[in-house]
Structure formats: C-alpha cells, structure tokens
Full PDB file with SEQRES, HELIX, SHEET, SSBOND, CRYST1, ORIGX, SCALE, CONECT and MASTER records, all heavy atoms in Angstrom:
SEQRES   1 A   39  GLY PHE PRO ASN ILE TYR ILE ASN ASN ALA GLN GLU LEU          
SEQRES   2 A   39  ARG GLY GLN HIS VAL ALA PHE LEU ALA SER PHE SER SER          
SEQRES   3 A   39  THR GLY VAL ILE PHE GLU GLN LEU SER VAL ILE TYR LEU          
HELIX    1 AA1 GLN A   11  LEU A   13  5                                   3    
HELIX    2 AA2 THR A   27  VAL A   29  5                                   3    
HELIX    3 AA3 ILE A   30  TYR A   38  1                                   9    
CRYST1    1.000    1.000    1.000  90.00  90.00  90.00 P 1           1          
ORIGX1      1.000000  0.000000  0.000000        0.00000                         
ORIGX2      0.000000  1.000000  0.000000        0.00000                         
ORIGX3      0.000000  0.000000  1.000000        0.00000                         
SCALE1      1.000000  0.000000  0.000000        0.00000                         
SCALE2      0.000000  1.000000  0.000000        0.00000                         
SCALE3      0.000000  0.000000  1.000000        0.00000                         
ATOM      1  N   GLY A   1      98.104  80.708 112.379  1.00  0.00           N  
ATOM      2  CA  GLY A   1      98.955  81.238 111.217  1.00  0.00           C  
ATOM      3  C   GLY A   1      98.486  82.573 110.662  1.00  0.00           C  
ATOM      4  O   GLY A   1      99.083  83.219 109.826  1.00  0.00           O  
ATOM      5  N   PHE A   2      97.225  82.975 111.157  1.00  0.00           N  
ATOM      6  CA  PHE A   2      96.679  84.303 110.687  1.00  0.00           C  
ATOM      7  C   PHE A   2      97.438  85.420 111.306  1.00  0.00           C  
ATOM      8  O   PHE A   2      97.904  85.293 112.459  1.00  0.00           O  
ATOM      9  CB  PHE A   2      95.204  84.367 110.853  1.00  0.00           C  
ATOM     10  CG  PHE A   2      94.454  83.677 109.749  1.00  0.00           C  
ATOM     11  CD1 PHE A   2      94.128  82.379 109.867  1.00  0.00           C  
ATOM     12  CD2 PHE A   2      93.979  84.395 108.571  1.00  0.00           C  
ATOM     13  CE1 PHE A   2      93.427  81.630 108.818  1.00  0.00           C  
ATOM     14  CE2 PHE A   2      93.298  83.802 107.575  1.00  0.00           C  
ATOM     15  CZ  PHE A   2      93.035  82.328 107.715  1.00  0.00           C  
ATOM     16  N   PRO A   3      97.548  86.540 110.717  1.00  0.00           N  
ATOM     17  CA  PRO A   3      98.277  87.682 111.278  1.00  0.00           C  
ATOM     18  C   PRO A   3      97.756  88.252 112.548  1.00  0.00           C  
ATOM     19  O   PRO A   3      96.635  88.347 112.683  1.00  0.00           O  
ATOM     20  CB  PRO A   3      98.141  88.714 110.094  1.00  0.00           C  
ATOM     21  CG  PRO A   3      97.702  88.033 108.862  1.00  0.00           C  
ATOM     22  CD  PRO A   3      96.831  86.967 109.375  1.00  0.00           C  
ATOM     23  N   ASN A   4      98.648  88.582 113.362  1.00  0.00           N  
ATOM     24  CA  ASN A   4      98.461  89.401 114.650  1.00  0.00           C  
ATOM     25  C   ASN A   4      99.324  90.611 114.611  1.00  0.00           C  
ATOM     26  O   ASN A   4     100.588  90.570 114.913  1.00  0.00           O  
ATOM     27  CB  ASN A   4      98.808  88.479 115.743  1.00  0.00           C  
ATOM     28  CG  ASN A   4      98.648  89.238 117.149  1.00  0.00           C  
ATOM     29  OD1 ASN A   4      97.964  90.349 117.193  1.00  0.00           O  
ATOM     30  ND2 ASN A   4      99.169  88.738 118.204  1.00  0.00           N  
ATOM     31  N   ILE A   5      98.747  91.710 114.114  1.00  0.00           N  
ATOM     32  CA  ILE A   5      99.679  92.832 113.700  1.00  0.00           C  
ATOM     33  C   ILE A   5      99.203  94.059 114.631  1.00  0.00           C  
ATOM     34  O   ILE A   5      98.115  94.226 114.975  1.00  0.00           O  
ATOM     35  CB  ILE A   5      99.339  93.294 112.257  1.00  0.00           C  
ATOM     36  CG1 ILE A   5      99.649  92.044 111.356  1.00  0.00           C  
ATOM     37  CG2 ILE A   5     100.266  94.477 111.866  1.00  0.00           C  
ATOM     38  CD1 ILE A   5      99.119  92.302 109.924  1.00  0.00           C  
ATOM     39  N   TYR A   6     100.333  94.838 115.035  1.00  0.00           N  
ATOM     40  CA  TYR A   6     100.042  96.005 115.929  1.00  0.00           C  
ATOM     41  C   TYR A   6     100.849  97.226 115.215  1.00  0.00           C  
ATOM     42  O   TYR A   6     102.137  96.984 115.080  1.00  0.00           O  
ATOM     43  CB  TYR A   6     100.497  95.672 117.284  1.00  0.00           C  
ATOM     44  CG  TYR A   6     100.334  96.861 118.182  1.00  0.00           C  
ATOM     45  CD1 TYR A   6      98.983  97.145 118.727  1.00  0.00           C  
ATOM     46  CD2 TYR A   6     101.256  97.890 118.640  1.00  0.00           C  
ATOM     47  CE1 TYR A   6      98.652  98.260 119.526  1.00  0.00           C  
ATOM     48  CE2 TYR A   6     101.025  98.856 119.444  1.00  0.00           C  
ATOM     49  CZ  TYR A   6      99.659  99.148 119.856  1.00  0.00           C  
ATOM     50  OH  TYR A   6      99.507 100.102 120.736  1.00  0.00           O  
ATOM     51  N   ILE A   7     100.193  98.235 115.040  1.00  0.00           N  
ATOM     52  CA  ILE A   7     100.842  99.502 114.558  1.00  0.00           C  
ATOM     53  C   ILE A   7     101.230 100.287 115.657  1.00  0.00           C  
ATOM     54  O   ILE A   7     100.381 100.843 116.381  1.00  0.00           O  
ATOM     55  CB  ILE A   7      99.974 100.259 113.511  1.00  0.00           C  
ATOM     56  CG1 ILE A   7      99.655  99.374 112.316  1.00  0.00           C  
ATOM     57  CG2 ILE A   7     100.628 101.586 113.086  1.00  0.00           C  
ATOM     58  CD1 ILE A   7      98.587 100.019 111.351  1.00  0.00           C  
ATOM     59  N   ASN A   8     102.615 100.483 115.877  1.00  0.00           N  
ATOM     60  CA  ASN A   8     103.099 101.302 116.970  1.00  0.00           C  
ATOM     61  C   ASN A   8     102.713 102.779 116.795  1.00  0.00           C  
ATOM     62  O   ASN A   8     102.825 103.250 115.687  1.00  0.00           O  
ATOM     63  CB  ASN A   8     104.546 101.115 117.073  1.00  0.00           C  
ATOM     64  CG  ASN A   8     104.852  99.702 117.548  1.00  0.00           C  
ATOM     65  OD1 ASN A   8     104.302  99.071 118.558  1.00  0.00           O  
ATOM     66  ND2 ASN A   8     105.857  99.182 116.776  1.00  0.00           N  
ATOM     67  N   ASN A   9     102.456 103.467 117.939  1.00  0.00           N  
ATOM     68  CA  ASN A   9     102.239 104.957 117.874  1.00  0.00           C  
ATOM     69  C   ASN A   9     101.152 105.342 116.911  1.00  0.00           C  
ATOM     70  O   ASN A   9     101.191 106.521 116.290  1.00  0.00           O  
ATOM     71  CB  ASN A   9     103.493 105.737 117.466  1.00  0.00           C  
ATOM     72  CG  ASN A   9     104.737 105.284 118.349  1.00  0.00           C  
ATOM     73  OD1 ASN A   9     104.653 105.248 119.540  1.00  0.00           O  
ATOM     74  ND2 ASN A   9     105.904 105.041 117.700  1.00  0.00           N  
ATOM     75  N   ALA A  10     100.093 104.596 116.855  1.00  0.00           N  
ATOM     76  CA  ALA A  10      98.989 104.796 115.898  1.00  0.00           C  
ATOM     77  C   ALA A  10      98.298 106.230 116.164  1.00  0.00           C  
ATOM     78  O   ALA A  10      98.137 106.918 115.236  1.00  0.00           O  
ATOM     79  CB  ALA A  10      98.018 103.683 115.953  1.00  0.00           C  
ATOM     80  N   GLN A  11      98.107 106.515 117.496  1.00  0.00           N  
ATOM     81  CA  GLN A  11      97.324 107.754 117.710  1.00  0.00           C  
ATOM     82  C   GLN A  11      98.173 108.990 117.328  1.00  0.00           C  
ATOM     83  O   GLN A  11      97.651 110.076 117.077  1.00  0.00           O  
ATOM     84  CB  GLN A  11      96.998 107.841 119.240  1.00  0.00           C  
ATOM     85  CG  GLN A  11      95.911 106.777 119.581  1.00  0.00           C  
ATOM     86  CD  GLN A  11      95.018 107.312 120.691  1.00  0.00           C  
ATOM     87  OE1 GLN A  11      95.137 108.517 121.182  1.00  0.00           O  
ATOM     88  NE2 GLN A  11      94.110 106.537 121.091  1.00  0.00           N  
ATOM     89  N   GLU A  12      99.537 108.813 117.357  1.00  0.00           N  
ATOM     90  CA  GLU A  12     100.343 109.953 116.953  1.00  0.00           C  
ATOM     91  C   GLU A  12     100.357 110.222 115.536  1.00  0.00           C  
ATOM     92  O   GLU A  12     100.912 111.277 114.967  1.00  0.00           O  
ATOM     93  CB  GLU A  12     101.775 109.694 117.509  1.00  0.00           C  
ATOM     94  CG  GLU A  12     101.941 109.575 119.073  1.00  0.00           C  
ATOM     95  CD  GLU A  12     103.283 109.168 119.465  1.00  0.00           C  
ATOM     96  OE1 GLU A  12     104.242 109.392 118.602  1.00  0.00           O  
ATOM     97  OE2 GLU A  12     103.446 108.893 120.713  1.00  0.00           O  
ATOM     98  N   LEU A  13      99.775 109.404 114.722  1.00  0.00           N  
ATOM     99  CA  LEU A  13      99.751 109.660 113.292  1.00  0.00           C  
ATOM    100  C   LEU A  13      98.579 110.563 112.909  1.00  0.00           C  
ATOM    101  O   LEU A  13      98.641 110.972 111.670  1.00  0.00           O  
ATOM    102  CB  LEU A  13      99.484 108.259 112.584  1.00  0.00           C  
ATOM    103  CG  LEU A  13     100.582 107.194 112.765  1.00  0.00           C  
ATOM    104  CD1 LEU A  13     100.168 105.889 112.146  1.00  0.00           C  
ATOM    105  CD2 LEU A  13     102.026 107.729 112.261  1.00  0.00           C  
ATOM    106  N   ARG A  14      97.744 111.001 113.691  1.00  0.00           N  
ATOM    107  CA  ARG A  14      96.571 111.834 113.357  1.00  0.00           C  
ATOM    108  C   ARG A  14      97.175 113.179 112.817  1.00  0.00           C  
ATOM    109  O   ARG A  14      98.119 113.794 113.435  1.00  0.00           O  
ATOM    110  CB  ARG A  14      95.771 112.155 114.604  1.00  0.00           C  
ATOM    111  CG  ARG A  14      94.969 110.834 114.940  1.00  0.00           C  
ATOM    112  CD  ARG A  14      94.172 111.185 116.175  1.00  0.00           C  
ATOM    113  NE  ARG A  14      93.414 110.050 116.611  1.00  0.00           N  
ATOM    114  CZ  ARG A  14      92.591 110.024 117.671  1.00  0.00           C  
ATOM    115  NH1 ARG A  14      92.306 111.032 118.315  1.00  0.00           N  
ATOM    116  NH2 ARG A  14      91.945 108.879 118.048  1.00  0.00           N  
ATOM    117  N   GLY A  15      96.629 113.585 111.625  1.00  0.00           N  
ATOM    118  CA  GLY A  15      97.202 114.817 111.002  1.00  0.00           C  
ATOM    119  C   GLY A  15      98.535 114.755 110.329  1.00  0.00           C  
ATOM    120  O   GLY A  15      99.024 115.690 109.753  1.00  0.00           O  
ATOM    121  N   GLN A  16      99.099 113.489 110.270  1.00  0.00           N  
ATOM    122  CA  GLN A  16     100.547 113.324 109.662  1.00  0.00           C  
ATOM    123  C   GLN A  16     100.415 112.721 108.358  1.00  0.00           C  
ATOM    124  O   GLN A  16      99.459 112.056 108.013  1.00  0.00           O  
ATOM    125  CB  GLN A  16     101.302 112.403 110.633  1.00  0.00           C  
ATOM    126  CG  GLN A  16     101.489 112.961 112.118  1.00  0.00           C  
ATOM    127  CD  GLN A  16     102.100 114.304 112.106  1.00  0.00           C  
ATOM    128  OE1 GLN A  16     103.176 114.435 111.565  1.00  0.00           O  
ATOM    129  NE2 GLN A  16     101.528 115.265 112.912  1.00  0.00           N  
ATOM    130  N   HIS A  17     101.462 112.888 107.515  1.00  0.00           N  
ATOM    131  CA  HIS A  17     101.548 112.255 106.228  1.00  0.00           C  
ATOM    132  C   HIS A  17     102.282 110.930 106.466  1.00  0.00           C  
ATOM    133  O   HIS A  17     103.363 110.801 107.058  1.00  0.00           O  
ATOM    134  CB  HIS A  17     102.443 113.184 105.334  1.00  0.00           C  
ATOM    135  CG  HIS A  17     101.865 114.428 104.895  1.00  0.00           C  
ATOM    136  ND1 HIS A  17     100.842 114.688 104.204  1.00  0.00           N  
ATOM    137  CD2 HIS A  17     102.258 115.645 105.444  1.00  0.00           C  
ATOM    138  CE1 HIS A  17     100.579 116.047 104.193  1.00  0.00           C  
ATOM    139  NE2 HIS A  17     101.357 116.660 104.976  1.00  0.00           N  
ATOM    140  N   VAL A  18     101.574 109.857 105.929  1.00  0.00           N  
ATOM    141  CA  VAL A  18     101.982 108.566 106.203  1.00  0.00           C  
ATOM    142  C   VAL A  18     102.239 107.790 104.895  1.00  0.00           C  
ATOM    143  O   VAL A  18     101.565 108.043 103.898  1.00  0.00           O  
ATOM    144  CB  VAL A  18     100.962 107.785 107.076  1.00  0.00           C  
ATOM    145  CG1 VAL A  18     101.314 106.323 107.193  1.00  0.00           C  
ATOM    146  CG2 VAL A  18     100.826 108.481 108.368  1.00  0.00           C  
ATOM    147  N   ALA A  19     103.266 106.931 104.902  1.00  0.00           N  
ATOM    148  CA  ALA A  19     103.570 106.153 103.641  1.00  0.00           C  
ATOM    149  C   ALA A  19     103.728 104.730 104.146  1.00  0.00           C  
ATOM    150  O   ALA A  19     104.314 104.377 105.300  1.00  0.00           O  
ATOM    151  CB  ALA A  19     104.681 106.640 102.871  1.00  0.00           C  
ATOM    152  N   PHE A  20     103.594 103.699 103.220  1.00  0.00           N  
ATOM    153  CA  PHE A  20     103.907 102.267 103.513  1.00  0.00           C  
ATOM    154  C   PHE A  20     104.655 101.752 102.359  1.00  0.00           C  
ATOM    155  O   PHE A  20     104.225 101.908 101.168  1.00  0.00           O  
ATOM    156  CB  PHE A  20     102.654 101.435 103.825  1.00  0.00           C  
ATOM    157  CG  PHE A  20     102.909 100.037 104.109  1.00  0.00           C  
ATOM    158  CD1 PHE A  20     103.237  99.731 105.426  1.00  0.00           C  
ATOM    159  CD2 PHE A  20     102.814  99.068 103.141  1.00  0.00           C  
ATOM    160  CE1 PHE A  20     103.462  98.314 105.702  1.00  0.00           C  
ATOM    161  CE2 PHE A  20     103.010  97.655 103.509  1.00  0.00           C  
ATOM    162  CZ  PHE A  20     103.461  97.377 104.809  1.00  0.00           C  
ATOM    163  N   LEU A  21     105.811 101.085 102.649  1.00  0.00           N  
ATOM    164  CA  LEU A  21     106.686 100.449 101.628  1.00  0.00           C  
ATOM    165  C   LEU A  21     106.284  98.982 101.627  1.00  0.00           C  
ATOM    166  O   LEU A  21     106.531  98.221 102.664  1.00  0.00           O  
ATOM    167  CB  LEU A  21     108.094 100.827 101.915  1.00  0.00           C  
ATOM    168  CG  LEU A  21     109.189  99.995 101.016  1.00  0.00           C  
ATOM    169  CD1 LEU A  21     109.029 100.474  99.506  1.00  0.00           C  
ATOM    170  CD2 LEU A  21     110.549 100.387 101.419  1.00  0.00           C  
ATOM    171  N   ALA A  22     105.707  98.538 100.407  1.00  0.00           N  
ATOM    172  CA  ALA A  22     105.330  97.186 100.427  1.00  0.00           C  
ATOM    173  C   ALA A  22     106.072  96.242  99.584  1.00  0.00           C  
ATOM    174  O   ALA A  22     106.858  96.779  98.578  1.00  0.00           O  
ATOM    175  CB  ALA A  22     103.854  97.134  99.966  1.00  0.00           C  
ATOM    176  N   SER A  23     106.057  94.928  99.750  1.00  0.00           N  
ATOM    177  CA  SER A  23     106.690  93.996  98.742  1.00  0.00           C  
ATOM    178  C   SER A  23     105.667  92.787  98.669  1.00  0.00           C  
ATOM    179  O   SER A  23     105.560  91.994  99.617  1.00  0.00           O  
ATOM    180  CB  SER A  23     107.939  93.495  99.366  1.00  0.00           C  
ATOM    181  OG  SER A  23     108.553  92.577  98.646  1.00  0.00           O  
ATOM    182  N   PHE A  24     105.126  92.783  97.557  1.00  0.00           N  
ATOM    183  CA  PHE A  24     104.186  91.654  97.190  1.00  0.00           C  
ATOM    184  C   PHE A  24     104.994  90.514  96.567  1.00  0.00           C  
ATOM    185  O   PHE A  24     104.717  90.057  95.437  1.00  0.00           O  
ATOM    186  CB  PHE A  24     103.059  92.095  96.364  1.00  0.00           C  
ATOM    187  CG  PHE A  24     101.974  92.948  97.141  1.00  0.00           C  
ATOM    188  CD1 PHE A  24     100.932  93.495  96.392  1.00  0.00           C  
ATOM    189  CD2 PHE A  24     102.166  93.275  98.442  1.00  0.00           C  
ATOM    190  CE1 PHE A  24     100.025  94.249  97.063  1.00  0.00           C  
ATOM    191  CE2 PHE A  24     101.249  94.089  99.006  1.00  0.00           C  
ATOM    192  CZ  PHE A  24     100.151  94.671  98.391  1.00  0.00           C  
ATOM    193  N   SER A  25     105.891  89.989  97.255  1.00  0.00           N  
ATOM    194  CA  SER A  25     106.810  89.024  96.718  1.00  0.00           C  
ATOM    195  C   SER A  25     106.189  87.708  96.501  1.00  0.00           C  
ATOM    196  O   SER A  25     106.794  86.748  95.827  1.00  0.00           O  
ATOM    197  CB  SER A  25     108.078  88.898  97.572  1.00  0.00           C  
ATOM    198  OG  SER A  25     107.755  88.517  98.953  1.00  0.00           O  
ATOM    199  N   SER A  26     105.126  87.351  97.222  1.00  0.00           N  
ATOM    200  CA  SER A  26     104.498  86.105  97.080  1.00  0.00           C  
ATOM    201  C   SER A  26     103.013  86.363  97.516  1.00  0.00           C  
ATOM    202  O   SER A  26     102.694  87.198  98.317  1.00  0.00           O  
ATOM    203  CB  SER A  26     105.087  84.932  97.879  1.00  0.00           C  
ATOM    204  OG  SER A  26     104.980  85.231  99.341  1.00  0.00           O  
ATOM    205  N   THR A  27     102.080  85.304  97.088  1.00  0.00           N  
ATOM    206  CA  THR A  27     100.786  85.481  97.618  1.00  0.00           C  
ATOM    207  C   THR A  27     100.653  85.353  98.959  1.00  0.00           C  
ATOM    208  O   THR A  27      99.607  85.943  99.587  1.00  0.00           O  
ATOM    209  CB  THR A  27      99.870  84.461  96.834  1.00  0.00           C  
ATOM    210  OG1 THR A  27     100.510  83.117  97.108  1.00  0.00           O  
ATOM    211  CG2 THR A  27      99.898  84.553  95.395  1.00  0.00           C  
ATOM    212  N   GLY A  28     101.550  84.649  99.706  1.00  0.00           N  
ATOM    213  CA  GLY A  28     101.414  84.459 101.171  1.00  0.00           C  
ATOM    214  C   GLY A  28     101.642  85.651 102.040  1.00  0.00           C  
ATOM    215  O   GLY A  28     101.222  85.640 103.165  1.00  0.00           O  
ATOM    216  N   VAL A  29     102.198  86.762 101.380  1.00  0.00           N  
ATOM    217  CA  VAL A  29     102.407  87.918 102.206  1.00  0.00           C  
ATOM    218  C   VAL A  29     101.569  89.067 101.904  1.00  0.00           C  
ATOM    219  O   VAL A  29     101.641  90.192 102.472  1.00  0.00           O  
ATOM    220  CB  VAL A  29     103.953  88.368 102.202  1.00  0.00           C  
ATOM    221  CG1 VAL A  29     104.873  87.202 102.651  1.00  0.00           C  
ATOM    222  CG2 VAL A  29     104.250  88.878 100.734  1.00  0.00           C  
ATOM    223  N   ILE A  30     100.705  88.943 100.954  1.00  0.00           N  
ATOM    224  CA  ILE A  30      99.814  90.058 100.499  1.00  0.00           C  
ATOM    225  C   ILE A  30      98.773  90.325 101.545  1.00  0.00           C  
ATOM    226  O   ILE A  30      98.528  91.602 101.888  1.00  0.00           O  
ATOM    227  CB  ILE A  30      99.284  89.812  99.135  1.00  0.00           C  
ATOM    228  CG1 ILE A  30     100.272  89.676  98.133  1.00  0.00           C  
ATOM    229  CG2 ILE A  30      98.187  90.784  98.779  1.00  0.00           C  
ATOM    230  CD1 ILE A  30      99.812  89.337  96.688  1.00  0.00           C  
ATOM    231  N   PHE A  31      98.189  89.323 102.008  1.00  0.00           N  
ATOM    232  CA  PHE A  31      97.023  89.604 103.006  1.00  0.00           C  
ATOM    233  C   PHE A  31      97.367  90.449 104.258  1.00  0.00           C  
ATOM    234  O   PHE A  31      96.704  91.358 104.542  1.00  0.00           O  
ATOM    235  CB  PHE A  31      96.404  88.222 103.460  1.00  0.00           C  
ATOM    236  CG  PHE A  31      95.271  88.404 104.457  1.00  0.00           C  
ATOM    237  CD1 PHE A  31      94.085  88.911 104.030  1.00  0.00           C  
ATOM    238  CD2 PHE A  31      95.415  88.070 105.736  1.00  0.00           C  
ATOM    239  CE1 PHE A  31      92.918  89.019 105.063  1.00  0.00           C  
ATOM    240  CE2 PHE A  31      94.519  88.203 106.646  1.00  0.00           C  
ATOM    241  CZ  PHE A  31      93.226  88.795 106.326  1.00  0.00           C  
ATOM    242  N   GLU A  32      98.491  90.037 104.897  1.00  0.00           N  
ATOM    243  CA  GLU A  32      98.880  90.731 105.991  1.00  0.00           C  
ATOM    244  C   GLU A  32      99.300  92.175 105.676  1.00  0.00           C  
ATOM    245  O   GLU A  32      98.970  93.188 106.572  1.00  0.00           O  
ATOM    246  CB  GLU A  32     100.034  90.079 106.755  1.00  0.00           C  
ATOM    247  CG  GLU A  32     101.301  89.813 105.978  1.00  0.00           C  
ATOM    248  CD  GLU A  32     102.304  88.915 106.697  1.00  0.00           C  
ATOM    249  OE1 GLU A  32     102.398  89.001 107.986  1.00  0.00           O  
ATOM    250  OE2 GLU A  32     102.895  88.137 105.984  1.00  0.00           O  
ATOM    251  N   GLN A  33      99.771  92.476 104.591  1.00  0.00           N  
ATOM    252  CA  GLN A  33     100.157  93.816 104.284  1.00  0.00           C  
ATOM    253  C   GLN A  33      98.948  94.568 103.812  1.00  0.00           C  
ATOM    254  O   GLN A  33      98.854  95.755 104.275  1.00  0.00           O  
ATOM    255  CB  GLN A  33     101.125  93.843 103.063  1.00  0.00           C  
ATOM    256  CG  GLN A  33     102.568  93.325 103.445  1.00  0.00           C  
ATOM    257  CD  GLN A  33     103.507  93.381 102.304  1.00  0.00           C  
ATOM    258  OE1 GLN A  33     104.113  94.407 101.967  1.00  0.00           O  
ATOM    259  NE2 GLN A  33     103.637  92.173 101.715  1.00  0.00           N  
ATOM    260  N   LEU A  34      98.017  94.012 103.207  1.00  0.00           N  
ATOM    261  CA  LEU A  34      96.643  94.612 102.898  1.00  0.00           C  
ATOM    262  C   LEU A  34      95.964  95.034 104.140  1.00  0.00           C  
ATOM    263  O   LEU A  34      95.345  96.122 104.280  1.00  0.00           O  
ATOM    264  CB  LEU A  34      95.853  93.755 102.038  1.00  0.00           C  
ATOM    265  CG  LEU A  34      96.106  93.690 100.477  1.00  0.00           C  
ATOM    266  CD1 LEU A  34      95.218  92.878  99.809  1.00  0.00           C  
ATOM    267  CD2 LEU A  34      96.091  95.127  99.886  1.00  0.00           C  
ATOM    268  N   SER A  35      96.111  94.199 105.156  1.00  0.00           N  
ATOM    269  CA  SER A  35      95.444  94.586 106.510  1.00  0.00           C  
ATOM    270  C   SER A  35      95.966  95.806 107.020  1.00  0.00           C  
ATOM    271  O   SER A  35      95.234  96.657 107.542  1.00  0.00           O  
ATOM    272  CB  SER A  35      95.702  93.425 107.479  1.00  0.00           C  
ATOM    273  OG  SER A  35      95.205  92.191 106.952  1.00  0.00           O  
ATOM    274  N   VAL A  36      97.206  96.039 106.841  1.00  0.00           N  
ATOM    275  CA  VAL A  36      97.860  97.298 107.266  1.00  0.00           C  
ATOM    276  C   VAL A  36      97.543  98.515 106.444  1.00  0.00           C  
ATOM    277  O   VAL A  36      97.117  99.639 106.808  1.00  0.00           O  
ATOM    278  CB  VAL A  36      99.297  97.192 107.405  1.00  0.00           C  
ATOM    279  CG1 VAL A  36      99.998  98.502 107.723  1.00  0.00           C  
ATOM    280  CG2 VAL A  36      99.738  96.184 108.563  1.00  0.00           C  
ATOM    281  N   ILE A  37      97.582  98.128 105.079  1.00  0.00           N  
ATOM    282  CA  ILE A  37      97.457  99.221 104.027  1.00  0.00           C  
ATOM    283  C   ILE A  37      95.946  99.804 104.105  1.00  0.00           C  
ATOM    284  O   ILE A  37      95.714 101.000 103.927  1.00  0.00           O  
ATOM    285  CB  ILE A  37      97.652  98.571 102.683  1.00  0.00           C  
ATOM    286  CG1 ILE A  37      99.175  98.382 102.510  1.00  0.00           C  
ATOM    287  CG2 ILE A  37      97.129  99.534 101.633  1.00  0.00           C  
ATOM    288  CD1 ILE A  37      99.511  97.536 101.317  1.00  0.00           C  
ATOM    289  N   TYR A  38      95.079  98.917 104.500  1.00  0.00           N  
ATOM    290  CA  TYR A  38      93.570  99.340 104.623  1.00  0.00           C  
ATOM    291  C   TYR A  38      93.306 100.136 105.858  1.00  0.00           C  
ATOM    292  O   TYR A  38      92.452 100.950 105.968  1.00  0.00           O  
ATOM    293  CB  TYR A  38      92.678  98.123 104.615  1.00  0.00           C  
ATOM    294  CG  TYR A  38      92.415  97.499 103.202  1.00  0.00           C  
ATOM    295  CD1 TYR A  38      93.124  97.941 102.188  1.00  0.00           C  
ATOM    296  CD2 TYR A  38      91.387  96.599 103.058  1.00  0.00           C  
ATOM    297  CE1 TYR A  38      92.907  97.325 100.826  1.00  0.00           C  
ATOM    298  CE2 TYR A  38      91.255  95.946 101.768  1.00  0.00           C  
ATOM    299  CZ  TYR A  38      91.892  96.393 100.750  1.00  0.00           C  
ATOM    300  OH  TYR A  38      91.681  95.853  99.481  1.00  0.00           O  
ATOM    301  N   LEU A  39      94.185  99.826 106.904  1.00  0.00           N  
ATOM    302  CA  LEU A  39      93.976 100.590 108.235  1.00  0.00           C  
ATOM    303  C   LEU A  39      94.614 101.919 108.241  1.00  0.00           C  
ATOM    304  O   LEU A  39      93.974 102.931 108.789  1.00  0.00           O  
ATOM    305  CB  LEU A  39      94.466  99.792 109.355  1.00  0.00           C  
ATOM    306  CG  LEU A  39      94.413 100.363 110.785  1.00  0.00           C  
ATOM    307  CD1 LEU A  39      92.820 100.673 111.117  1.00  0.00           C  
ATOM    308  CD2 LEU A  39      94.951  99.561 111.865  1.00  0.00           C  
TER     309      LEU A  39                                                      
MASTER        0    0    0    3    0    0    0    6  308    1    0    3          
END                                                                             
C-alpha cells in the first residue's frame, strides 16, 4: 500500500522552473504528495 512513485523526465528539469499542483483532500493522500513535493 505504500507509494511507488516515478517522476518522468526528471533529469530534464535541471535549471527549469517547476511547479506542483496539490490536493490535500484527505489525510490518506498527503504522504505520497509530500514525497514528490520534497523531491
């Protein structure tokens, strides 16, 4: 049940402006989004 997440084209993001649109609609979806937000 724990997240298995992969950010596509991660190396191409170097030097780029990046944004993430989040939805903390329940406690159950916050952890997986934070994992991406922290990376």
